[in-house]
Amino acid sequence: SGGGLVQAGGSLRLSCAASGRSFSNYALGWFRQAPGKTRQ
């Protein structure tokens, strides 16, 4: 959650809520994919 439209120079905070057990056993990451590009 937390995505949206912002002007250059602005800020956003993305959040990710997880369900399931043993959350602390997982490493986490954020990736992104722009149109026509691979996920990075």
PDB file of all heavy atoms in Angstrom:
ATOM      1  N   SER A   1       0.848  -1.183   0.000  1.00  0.00           N
ATOM      2  CA  SER A   1       0.000   0.000   0.000  1.00  0.00           C
ATOM      3  C   SER A   1       0.887   1.237   0.000  1.00  0.00           C
ATOM      4  O   SER A   1       2.093   1.140   0.272  1.00  0.00           O
ATOM      5  CB  SER A   1      -0.938   0.007   1.202  1.00  0.00           C
ATOM      6  OG  SER A   1      -0.204   0.037   2.410  1.00  0.00           O
ATOM      7  N   GLY A   2       0.284   2.375  -0.299  1.00  0.00           N
ATOM      8  CA  GLY A   2       1.011   3.628  -0.205  1.00  0.00           C
ATOM      9  C   GLY A   2       1.445   4.253  -1.512  1.00  0.00           C
ATOM     10  O   GLY A   2       1.986   5.360  -1.523  1.00  0.00           O
ATOM     11  N   GLY A   3       1.221   3.563  -2.619  1.00  0.00           N
ATOM     12  CA  GLY A   3       1.591   4.137  -3.898  1.00  0.00           C
ATOM     13  C   GLY A   3       0.679   5.293  -4.271  1.00  0.00           C
ATOM     14  O   GLY A   3      -0.335   5.545  -3.625  1.00  0.00           O
ATOM     15  N   GLY A   4       1.056   6.004  -5.311  1.00  0.00           N
ATOM     16  CA  GLY A   4       0.242   7.120  -5.767  1.00  0.00           C
ATOM     17  C   GLY A   4       1.000   8.024  -6.697  1.00  0.00           C
ATOM     18  O   GLY A   4       2.090   7.686  -7.177  1.00  0.00           O
ATOM     19  N   LEU A   5       0.419   9.189  -6.935  1.00  0.00           N
ATOM     20  CA  LEU A   5       1.013  10.189  -7.819  1.00  0.00           C
ATOM     21  C   LEU A   5       1.666  11.276  -6.975  1.00  0.00           C
ATOM     22  O   LEU A   5       1.045  11.818  -6.047  1.00  0.00           O
ATOM     23  CB  LEU A   5      -0.069  10.794  -8.714  1.00  0.00           C
ATOM     24  CG  LEU A   5       0.334  11.968  -9.606  1.00  0.00           C
ATOM     25  CD1 LEU A   5       1.378  11.523 -10.612  1.00  0.00           C
ATOM     26  CD2 LEU A   5      -0.895  12.539 -10.298  1.00  0.00           C
ATOM     27  N   VAL A   6       2.909  11.595  -7.308  1.00  0.00           N
ATOM     28  CA  VAL A   6       3.640  12.619  -6.561  1.00  0.00           C
ATOM     29  C   VAL A   6       4.499  13.414  -7.534  1.00  0.00           C
ATOM     30  O   VAL A   6       4.936  12.883  -8.570  1.00  0.00           O
ATOM     31  CB  VAL A   6       4.500  11.967  -5.451  1.00  0.00           C
ATOM     32  CG1 VAL A   6       5.566  11.060  -6.050  1.00  0.00           C
ATOM     33  CG2 VAL A   6       5.109  13.011  -4.535  1.00  0.00           C
ATOM     34  N   GLN A   7       4.735  14.662  -7.211  1.00  0.00           N
ATOM     35  CA  GLN A   7       5.604  15.479  -8.053  1.00  0.00           C
ATOM     36  C   GLN A   7       7.064  15.172  -7.772  1.00  0.00           C
ATOM     37  O   GLN A   7       7.423  14.723  -6.672  1.00  0.00           O
ATOM     38  CB  GLN A   7       5.332  16.955  -7.798  1.00  0.00           C
ATOM     39  CG  GLN A   7       4.001  17.443  -8.332  1.00  0.00           C
ATOM     40  CD  GLN A   7       3.857  18.944  -8.235  1.00  0.00           C
ATOM     41  OE1 GLN A   7       4.452  19.593  -7.381  1.00  0.00           O
ATOM     42  NE2 GLN A   7       3.061  19.525  -9.128  1.00  0.00           N
ATOM     43  N   ALA A   8       7.884  15.421  -8.765  1.00  0.00           N
ATOM     44  CA  ALA A   8       9.317  15.235  -8.590  1.00  0.00           C
ATOM     45  C   ALA A   8       9.801  16.040  -7.383  1.00  0.00           C
ATOM     46  O   ALA A   8       9.382  17.181  -7.178  1.00  0.00           O
ATOM     47  CB  ALA A   8      10.060  15.668  -9.847  1.00  0.00           C
ATOM     48  N   GLY A   9      10.668  15.404  -6.596  1.00  0.00           N
ATOM     49  CA  GLY A   9      11.154  16.024  -5.377  1.00  0.00           C
ATOM     50  C   GLY A   9      10.331  15.686  -4.152  1.00  0.00           C
ATOM     51  O   GLY A   9      10.748  15.965  -3.020  1.00  0.00           O
ATOM     52  N   GLY A  10       9.181  15.079  -4.366  1.00  0.00           N
ATOM     53  CA  GLY A  10       8.307  14.726  -3.266  1.00  0.00           C
ATOM     54  C   GLY A  10       8.674  13.408  -2.607  1.00  0.00           C
ATOM     55  O   GLY A  10       9.697  12.789  -2.936  1.00  0.00           O
ATOM     56  N   SER A  11       7.824  12.988  -1.687  1.00  0.00           N
ATOM     57  CA  SER A  11       8.085  11.773  -0.903  1.00  0.00           C
ATOM     58  C   SER A  11       6.850  10.887  -0.858  1.00  0.00           C
ATOM     59  O   SER A  11       5.713  11.371  -0.969  1.00  0.00           O
ATOM     60  CB  SER A  11       8.473  12.148   0.528  1.00  0.00           C
ATOM     61  OG  SER A  11       9.651  12.922   0.556  1.00  0.00           O
ATOM     62  N   LEU A  12       7.106   9.603  -0.710  1.00  0.00           N
ATOM     63  CA  LEU A  12       6.048   8.616  -0.481  1.00  0.00           C
ATOM     64  C   LEU A  12       6.592   7.562   0.468  1.00  0.00           C
ATOM     65  O   LEU A  12       7.804   7.305   0.491  1.00  0.00           O
ATOM     66  CB  LEU A  12       5.623   7.937  -1.788  1.00  0.00           C
ATOM     67  CG  LEU A  12       4.636   8.635  -2.718  1.00  0.00           C
ATOM     68  CD1 LEU A  12       4.444   7.814  -3.973  1.00  0.00           C
ATOM     69  CD2 LEU A  12       3.309   8.898  -2.027  1.00  0.00           C
ATOM     70  N   ARG A  13       5.673   6.951   1.190  1.00  0.00           N
ATOM     71  CA  ARG A  13       6.050   5.833   2.050  1.00  0.00           C
ATOM     72  C   ARG A  13       5.217   4.627   1.655  1.00  0.00           C
ATOM     73  O   ARG A  13       3.988   4.657   1.751  1.00  0.00           O
ATOM     74  CB  ARG A  13       5.826   6.162   3.519  1.00  0.00           C
ATOM     75  CG  ARG A  13       6.241   5.050   4.480  1.00  0.00           C
ATOM     76  CD  ARG A  13       5.993   5.463   5.922  1.00  0.00           C
ATOM     77  NE  ARG A  13       6.328   4.415   6.865  1.00  0.00           N
ATOM     78  CZ  ARG A  13       7.530   4.251   7.389  1.00  0.00           C
ATOM     79  NH1 ARG A  13       8.514   5.066   7.053  1.00  0.00           N
ATOM     80  NH2 ARG A  13       7.765   3.262   8.252  1.00  0.00           N
ATOM     81  N   LEU A  14       5.890   3.585   1.208  1.00  0.00           N
ATOM     82  CA  LEU A  14       5.226   2.334   0.877  1.00  0.00           C
ATOM     83  C   LEU A  14       5.255   1.403   2.077  1.00  0.00           C
ATOM     84  O   LEU A  14       6.255   1.352   2.803  1.00  0.00           O
ATOM     85  CB  LEU A  14       5.906   1.654  -0.308  1.00  0.00           C
ATOM     86  CG  LEU A  14       6.046   2.472  -1.589  1.00  0.00           C
ATOM     87  CD1 LEU A  14       6.669   1.609  -2.681  1.00  0.00           C
ATOM     88  CD2 LEU A  14       4.726   3.035  -2.033  1.00  0.00           C
ATOM     89  N   SER A  15       4.177   0.676   2.249  1.00  0.00           N
ATOM     90  CA  SER A  15       4.114  -0.313   3.319  1.00  0.00           C
ATOM     91  C   SER A  15       3.718  -1.659   2.737  1.00  0.00           C
ATOM     92  O   SER A  15       3.037  -1.734   1.715  1.00  0.00           O
ATOM     93  CB  SER A  15       3.094   0.104   4.378  1.00  0.00           C
ATOM     94  OG  SER A  15       3.501   1.277   5.035  1.00  0.00           O
ATOM     95  N   CYS A  16       4.137  -2.697   3.410  1.00  0.00           N
ATOM     96  CA  CYS A  16       3.803  -4.057   2.993  1.00  0.00           C
ATOM     97  C   CYS A  16       3.439  -4.840   4.244  1.00  0.00           C
ATOM     98  O   CYS A  16       4.259  -4.962   5.166  1.00  0.00           O
ATOM     99  CB  CYS A  16       4.980  -4.700   2.272  1.00  0.00           C
ATOM    100  SG  CYS A  16       4.722  -6.426   1.796  1.00  0.00           S
ATOM    101  N   ALA A  17       2.226  -5.334   4.264  1.00  0.00           N
ATOM    102  CA  ALA A  17       1.754  -6.126   5.398  1.00  0.00           C
ATOM    103  C   ALA A  17       1.810  -7.602   5.031  1.00  0.00           C
ATOM    104  O   ALA A  17       1.354  -8.002   3.955  1.00  0.00           O
ATOM    105  CB  ALA A  17       0.335  -5.723   5.755  1.00  0.00           C
ATOM    106  N   ALA A  18       2.348  -8.394   5.943  1.00  0.00           N
ATOM    107  CA  ALA A  18       2.499  -9.823   5.686  1.00  0.00           C
ATOM    108  C   ALA A  18       1.615 -10.629   6.614  1.00  0.00           C
ATOM    109  O   ALA A  18       1.456 -10.298   7.787  1.00  0.00           O
ATOM    110  CB  ALA A  18       3.952 -10.235   5.884  1.00  0.00           C
ATOM    111  N   SER A  19       1.046 -11.671   6.066  1.00  0.00           N
ATOM    112  CA  SER A  19       0.300 -12.626   6.888  1.00  0.00           C
ATOM    113  C   SER A  19       0.990 -13.972   6.792  1.00  0.00           C
ATOM    114  O   SER A  19       1.631 -14.282   5.811  1.00  0.00           O
ATOM    115  CB  SER A  19      -1.143 -12.734   6.412  1.00  0.00           C
ATOM    116  OG  SER A  19      -1.190 -13.189   5.072  1.00  0.00           O
ATOM    117  N   GLY A  20       0.842 -14.769   7.815  1.00  0.00           N
ATOM    118  CA  GLY A  20       1.499 -16.055   7.835  1.00  0.00           C
ATOM    119  C   GLY A  20       2.448 -16.143   9.004  1.00  0.00           C
ATOM    120  O   GLY A  20       2.733 -15.152   9.676  1.00  0.00           O
ATOM    121  N   ARG A  21       2.974 -17.306   9.204  1.00  0.00           N
ATOM    122  CA  ARG A  21       3.838 -17.542  10.351  1.00  0.00           C
ATOM    123  C   ARG A  21       5.294 -17.218  10.057  1.00  0.00           C
ATOM    124  O   ARG A  21       5.703 -17.152   8.921  1.00  0.00           O
ATOM    125  CB  ARG A  21       3.725 -19.002  10.789  1.00  0.00           C
ATOM    126  CG  ARG A  21       2.350 -19.404  11.255  1.00  0.00           C
ATOM    127  CD  ARG A  21       2.336 -20.849  11.701  1.00  0.00           C
ATOM    128  NE  ARG A  21       1.033 -21.235  12.246  1.00  0.00           N
ATOM    129  CZ  ARG A  21       0.749 -22.447  12.698  1.00  0.00           C
ATOM    130  NH1 ARG A  21       1.684 -23.388  12.683  1.00  0.00           N
ATOM    131  NH2 ARG A  21      -0.440 -22.719  13.173  1.00  0.00           N
ATOM    132  N   SER A  22       6.021 -17.056  11.118  1.00  0.00           N
ATOM    133  CA  SER A  22       7.479 -16.975  11.038  1.00  0.00           C
ATOM    134  C   SER A  22       7.980 -15.828  10.165  1.00  0.00           C
ATOM    135  O   SER A  22       8.961 -15.976   9.434  1.00  0.00           O
ATOM    136  CB  SER A  22       8.059 -18.301  10.514  1.00  0.00           C
ATOM    137  OG  SER A  22       7.645 -19.385  11.311  1.00  0.00           O
ATOM    138  N   PHE A  23       7.321 -14.719  10.250  1.00  0.00           N
ATOM    139  CA  PHE A  23       7.715 -13.551   9.453  1.00  0.00           C
ATOM    140  C   PHE A  23       9.179 -13.213   9.674  1.00  0.00           C
ATOM    141  O   PHE A  23       9.902 -12.846   8.742  1.00  0.00           O
ATOM    142  CB  PHE A  23       6.826 -12.373   9.834  1.00  0.00           C
ATOM    143  CG  PHE A  23       7.150 -11.099   9.122  1.00  0.00           C
ATOM    144  CD1 PHE A  23       6.766 -10.897   7.810  1.00  0.00           C
ATOM    145  CD2 PHE A  23       7.849 -10.077   9.768  1.00  0.00           C
ATOM    146  CE1 PHE A  23       7.047  -9.717   7.145  1.00  0.00           C
ATOM    147  CE2 PHE A  23       8.134  -8.892   9.118  1.00  0.00           C
ATOM    148  CZ  PHE A  23       7.732  -8.711   7.803  1.00  0.00           C
ATOM    149  N   SER A  24       9.650 -13.360  10.891  1.00  0.00           N
ATOM    150  CA  SER A  24      11.021 -12.972  11.207  1.00  0.00           C
ATOM    151  C   SER A  24      12.059 -13.916  10.609  1.00  0.00           C
ATOM    152  O   SER A  24      13.246 -13.644  10.678  1.00  0.00           O
ATOM    153  CB  SER A  24      11.222 -12.863  12.716  1.00  0.00           C
ATOM    154  OG  SER A  24      10.969 -14.109  13.335  1.00  0.00           O
ATOM    155  N   ASN A  25      11.621 -15.031  10.034  1.00  0.00           N
ATOM    156  CA  ASN A  25      12.551 -15.941   9.371  1.00  0.00           C
ATOM    157  C   ASN A  25      12.807 -15.578   7.914  1.00  0.00           C
ATOM    158  O   ASN A  25      13.574 -16.261   7.232  1.00  0.00           O
ATOM    159  CB  ASN A  25      12.020 -17.377   9.427  1.00  0.00           C
ATOM    160  CG  ASN A  25      12.181 -17.980  10.808  1.00  0.00           C
ATOM    161  OD1 ASN A  25      13.216 -17.818  11.443  1.00  0.00           O
ATOM    162  ND2 ASN A  25      11.157 -18.663  11.278  1.00  0.00           N
ATOM    163  N   TYR A  26      12.168 -14.521   7.467  1.00  0.00           N
ATOM    164  CA  TYR A  26      12.261 -14.136   6.071  1.00  0.00           C
ATOM    165  C   TYR A  26      13.072 -12.857   5.906  1.00  0.00           C
ATOM    166  O   TYR A  26      12.905 -11.895   6.653  1.00  0.00           O
ATOM    167  CB  TYR A  26      10.879 -13.916   5.468  1.00  0.00           C
ATOM    168  CG  TYR A  26      10.080 -15.177   5.279  1.00  0.00           C
ATOM    169  CD1 TYR A  26       9.350 -15.715   6.330  1.00  0.00           C
ATOM    170  CD2 TYR A  26      10.069 -15.824   4.053  1.00  0.00           C
ATOM    171  CE1 TYR A  26       8.620 -16.882   6.167  1.00  0.00           C
ATOM    172  CE2 TYR A  26       9.333 -16.986   3.864  1.00  0.00           C
ATOM    173  CZ  TYR A  26       8.617 -17.510   4.925  1.00  0.00           C
ATOM    174  OH  TYR A  26       7.899 -18.664   4.741  1.00  0.00           O
ATOM    175  N   ALA A  27      13.927 -12.868   4.897  1.00  0.00           N
ATOM    176  CA  ALA A  27      14.514 -11.618   4.431  1.00  0.00           C
ATOM    177  C   ALA A  27      13.499 -10.987   3.479  1.00  0.00           C
ATOM    178  O   ALA A  27      12.737 -11.693   2.813  1.00  0.00           O
ATOM    179  CB  ALA A  27      15.826 -11.874   3.713  1.00  0.00           C
ATOM    180  N   LEU A  28      13.507  -9.676   3.422  1.00  0.00           N
ATOM    181  CA  LEU A  28      12.498  -8.959   2.644  1.00  0.00           C
ATOM    182  C   LEU A  28      13.152  -8.012   1.655  1.00  0.00           C
ATOM    183  O   LEU A  28      14.301  -7.578   1.861  1.00  0.00           O
ATOM    184  CB  LEU A  28      11.590  -8.170   3.590  1.00  0.00           C
ATOM    185  CG  LEU A  28      10.878  -8.987   4.658  1.00  0.00           C
ATOM    186  CD1 LEU A  28      10.235  -8.068   5.672  1.00  0.00           C
ATOM    187  CD2 LEU A  28       9.848  -9.908   4.041  1.00  0.00           C
ATOM    188  N   GLY A  29      12.398  -7.679   0.631  1.00  0.00           N
ATOM    189  CA  GLY A  29      12.938  -6.754  -0.343  1.00  0.00           C
ATOM    190  C   GLY A  29      11.842  -6.008  -1.074  1.00  0.00           C
ATOM    191  O   GLY A  29      10.682  -6.419  -1.073  1.00  0.00           O
ATOM    192  N   TRP A  30      12.236  -4.898  -1.643  1.00  0.00           N
ATOM    193  CA  TRP A  30      11.390  -4.134  -2.547  1.00  0.00           C
ATOM    194  C   TRP A  30      12.017  -4.171  -3.935  1.00  0.00           C
ATOM    195  O   TRP A  30      13.227  -3.944  -4.082  1.00  0.00           O
ATOM    196  CB  TRP A  30      11.254  -2.687  -2.083  1.00  0.00           C
ATOM    197  CG  TRP A  30      10.378  -2.507  -0.885  1.00  0.00           C
ATOM    198  CD1 TRP A  30      10.775  -2.437   0.416  1.00  0.00           C
ATOM    199  CD2 TRP A  30       8.950  -2.353  -0.881  1.00  0.00           C
ATOM    200  NE1 TRP A  30       9.678  -2.279   1.230  1.00  0.00           N
ATOM    201  CE2 TRP A  30       8.549  -2.212   0.473  1.00  0.00           C
ATOM    202  CE3 TRP A  30       7.967  -2.327  -1.875  1.00  0.00           C
ATOM    203  CZ2 TRP A  30       7.217  -2.051   0.845  1.00  0.00           C
ATOM    204  CZ3 TRP A  30       6.650  -2.170  -1.507  1.00  0.00           C
ATOM    205  CH2 TRP A  30       6.277  -2.032  -0.168  1.00  0.00           C
ATOM    206  N   PHE A  31      11.196  -4.441  -4.912  1.00  0.00           N
ATOM    207  CA  PHE A  31      11.611  -4.447  -6.310  1.00  0.00           C
ATOM    208  C   PHE A  31      10.651  -3.543  -7.075  1.00  0.00           C
ATOM    209  O   PHE A  31       9.563  -3.220  -6.590  1.00  0.00           O
ATOM    210  CB  PHE A  31      11.554  -5.870  -6.880  1.00  0.00           C
ATOM    211  CG  PHE A  31      12.520  -6.820  -6.218  1.00  0.00           C
ATOM    212  CD1 PHE A  31      12.260  -7.347  -4.964  1.00  0.00           C
ATOM    213  CD2 PHE A  31      13.703  -7.180  -6.857  1.00  0.00           C
ATOM    214  CE1 PHE A  31      13.162  -8.216  -4.348  1.00  0.00           C
ATOM    215  CE2 PHE A  31      14.602  -8.054  -6.261  1.00  0.00           C
ATOM    216  CZ  PHE A  31      14.327  -8.570  -5.001  1.00  0.00           C
ATOM    217  N   ARG A  32      11.052  -3.152  -8.267  1.00  0.00           N
ATOM    218  CA  ARG A  32      10.160  -2.332  -9.069  1.00  0.00           C
ATOM    219  C   ARG A  32      10.268  -2.714 -10.534  1.00  0.00           C
ATOM    220  O   ARG A  32      11.294  -3.246 -10.988  1.00  0.00           O
ATOM    221  CB  ARG A  32      10.458  -0.844  -8.879  1.00  0.00           C
ATOM    222  CG  ARG A  32      11.800  -0.384  -9.422  1.00  0.00           C
ATOM    223  CD  ARG A  32      12.052   1.075  -9.042  1.00  0.00           C
ATOM    224  NE  ARG A  32      13.322   1.578  -9.563  1.00  0.00           N
ATOM    225  CZ  ARG A  32      13.830   2.763  -9.244  1.00  0.00           C
ATOM    226  NH1 ARG A  32      13.181   3.585  -8.412  1.00  0.00           N
ATOM    227  NH2 ARG A  32      14.988   3.139  -9.765  1.00  0.00           N
ATOM    228  N   GLN A  33       9.196  -2.425 -11.244  1.00  0.00           N
ATOM    229  CA  GLN A  33       9.177  -2.712 -12.671  1.00  0.00           C
ATOM    230  C   GLN A  33       8.487  -1.571 -13.399  1.00  0.00           C
ATOM    231  O   GLN A  33       7.307  -1.294 -13.166  1.00  0.00           O
ATOM    232  CB  GLN A  33       8.458  -4.032 -12.950  1.00  0.00           C
ATOM    233  CG  GLN A  33       8.570  -4.489 -14.388  1.00  0.00           C
ATOM    234  CD  GLN A  33       8.178  -5.941 -14.569  1.00  0.00           C
ATOM    235  OE1 GLN A  33       7.565  -6.551 -13.696  1.00  0.00           O
ATOM    236  NE2 GLN A  33       8.543  -6.513 -15.709  1.00  0.00           N
ATOM    237  N   ALA A  34       9.235  -0.921 -14.250  1.00  0.00           N
ATOM    238  CA  ALA A  34       8.705   0.149 -15.074  1.00  0.00           C
ATOM    239  C   ALA A  34       8.192  -0.448 -16.384  1.00  0.00           C
ATOM    240  O   ALA A  34       8.615  -1.537 -16.792  1.00  0.00           O
ATOM    241  CB  ALA A  34       9.786   1.185 -15.353  1.00  0.00           C
ATOM    242  N   PRO A  35       7.283   0.249 -17.072  1.00  0.00           N
ATOM    243  CA  PRO A  35       6.748  -0.280 -18.330  1.00  0.00           C
ATOM    244  C   PRO A  35       7.848  -0.596 -19.335  1.00  0.00           C
ATOM    245  O   PRO A  35       8.741   0.221 -19.574  1.00  0.00           O
ATOM    246  CB  PRO A  35       5.859   0.868 -18.826  1.00  0.00           C
ATOM    247  CG  PRO A  35       5.463   1.595 -17.592  1.00  0.00           C
ATOM    248  CD  PRO A  35       6.655   1.511 -16.683  1.00  0.00           C
ATOM    249  N   GLY A  36       7.798  -1.811 -19.874  1.00  0.00           N
ATOM    250  CA  GLY A  36       8.768  -2.208 -20.876  1.00  0.00           C
ATOM    251  C   GLY A  36      10.129  -2.580 -20.346  1.00  0.00           C
ATOM    252  O   GLY A  36      11.049  -2.841 -21.125  1.00  0.00           O
ATOM    253  N   LYS A  37      10.264  -2.616 -19.028  1.00  0.00           N
ATOM    254  CA  LYS A  37      11.560  -2.945 -18.433  1.00  0.00           C
ATOM    255  C   LYS A  37      11.444  -4.162 -17.541  1.00  0.00           C
ATOM    256  O   LYS A  37      10.362  -4.563 -17.129  1.00  0.00           O
ATOM    257  CB  LYS A  37      12.088  -1.752 -17.636  1.00  0.00           C
ATOM    258  CG  LYS A  37      12.381  -0.536 -18.488  1.00  0.00           C
ATOM    259  CD  LYS A  37      13.090   0.538 -17.686  1.00  0.00           C
ATOM    260  CE  LYS A  37      13.457   1.721 -18.574  1.00  0.00           C
ATOM    261  NZ  LYS A  37      14.173   2.782 -17.799  1.00  0.00           N
ATOM    262  N   THR A  38      12.587  -4.755 -17.240  1.00  0.00           N
ATOM    263  CA  THR A  38      12.588  -5.917 -16.352  1.00  0.00           C
ATOM    264  C   THR A  38      12.482  -5.468 -14.902  1.00  0.00           C
ATOM    265  O   THR A  38      12.775  -4.320 -14.559  1.00  0.00           O
ATOM    266  CB  THR A  38      13.876  -6.731 -16.529  1.00  0.00           C
ATOM    267  OG1 THR A  38      15.004  -5.874 -16.262  1.00  0.00           O
ATOM    268  CG2 THR A  38      14.000  -7.273 -17.956  1.00  0.00           C
ATOM    269  N   ARG A  39      12.055  -6.394 -14.061  1.00  0.00           N
ATOM    270  CA  ARG A  39      11.956  -6.099 -12.642  1.00  0.00           C
ATOM    271  C   ARG A  39      13.361  -5.916 -12.074  1.00  0.00           C
ATOM    272  O   ARG A  39      14.277  -6.686 -12.376  1.00  0.00           O
ATOM    273  CB  ARG A  39      11.228  -7.234 -11.929  1.00  0.00           C
ATOM    274  CG  ARG A  39      10.779  -6.906 -10.538  1.00  0.00           C
ATOM    275  CD  ARG A  39       9.783  -7.943 -10.024  1.00  0.00           C
ATOM    276  NE  ARG A  39       8.567  -7.974 -10.838  1.00  0.00           N
ATOM    277  CZ  ARG A  39       7.466  -8.649 -10.499  1.00  0.00           C
ATOM    278  NH1 ARG A  39       7.452  -9.355  -9.375  1.00  0.00           N
ATOM    279  NH2 ARG A  39       6.417  -8.632 -11.290  1.00  0.00           N
ATOM    280  N   GLN A  40      13.523  -4.914 -11.232  1.00  0.00           N
ATOM    281  CA  GLN A  40      14.836  -4.629 -10.678  1.00  0.00           C
ATOM    282  C   GLN A  40      14.789  -4.467  -9.165  1.00  0.00           C
ATOM    283  O   GLN A  40      13.776  -4.051  -8.609  1.00  0.00           O
ATOM    284  CB  GLN A  40      15.448  -3.373 -11.319  1.00  0.00           C
ATOM    285  CG  GLN A  40      14.685  -2.120 -11.099  1.00  0.00           C
ATOM    286  CD  GLN A  40      15.366  -0.884 -11.671  1.00  0.00           C
ATOM    287  OE1 GLN A  40      15.064   0.237 -11.305  1.00  0.00           O
ATOM    288  NE2 GLN A  40      16.303  -1.061 -12.582  1.00  0.00           N
TER     289      GLN A  40
END
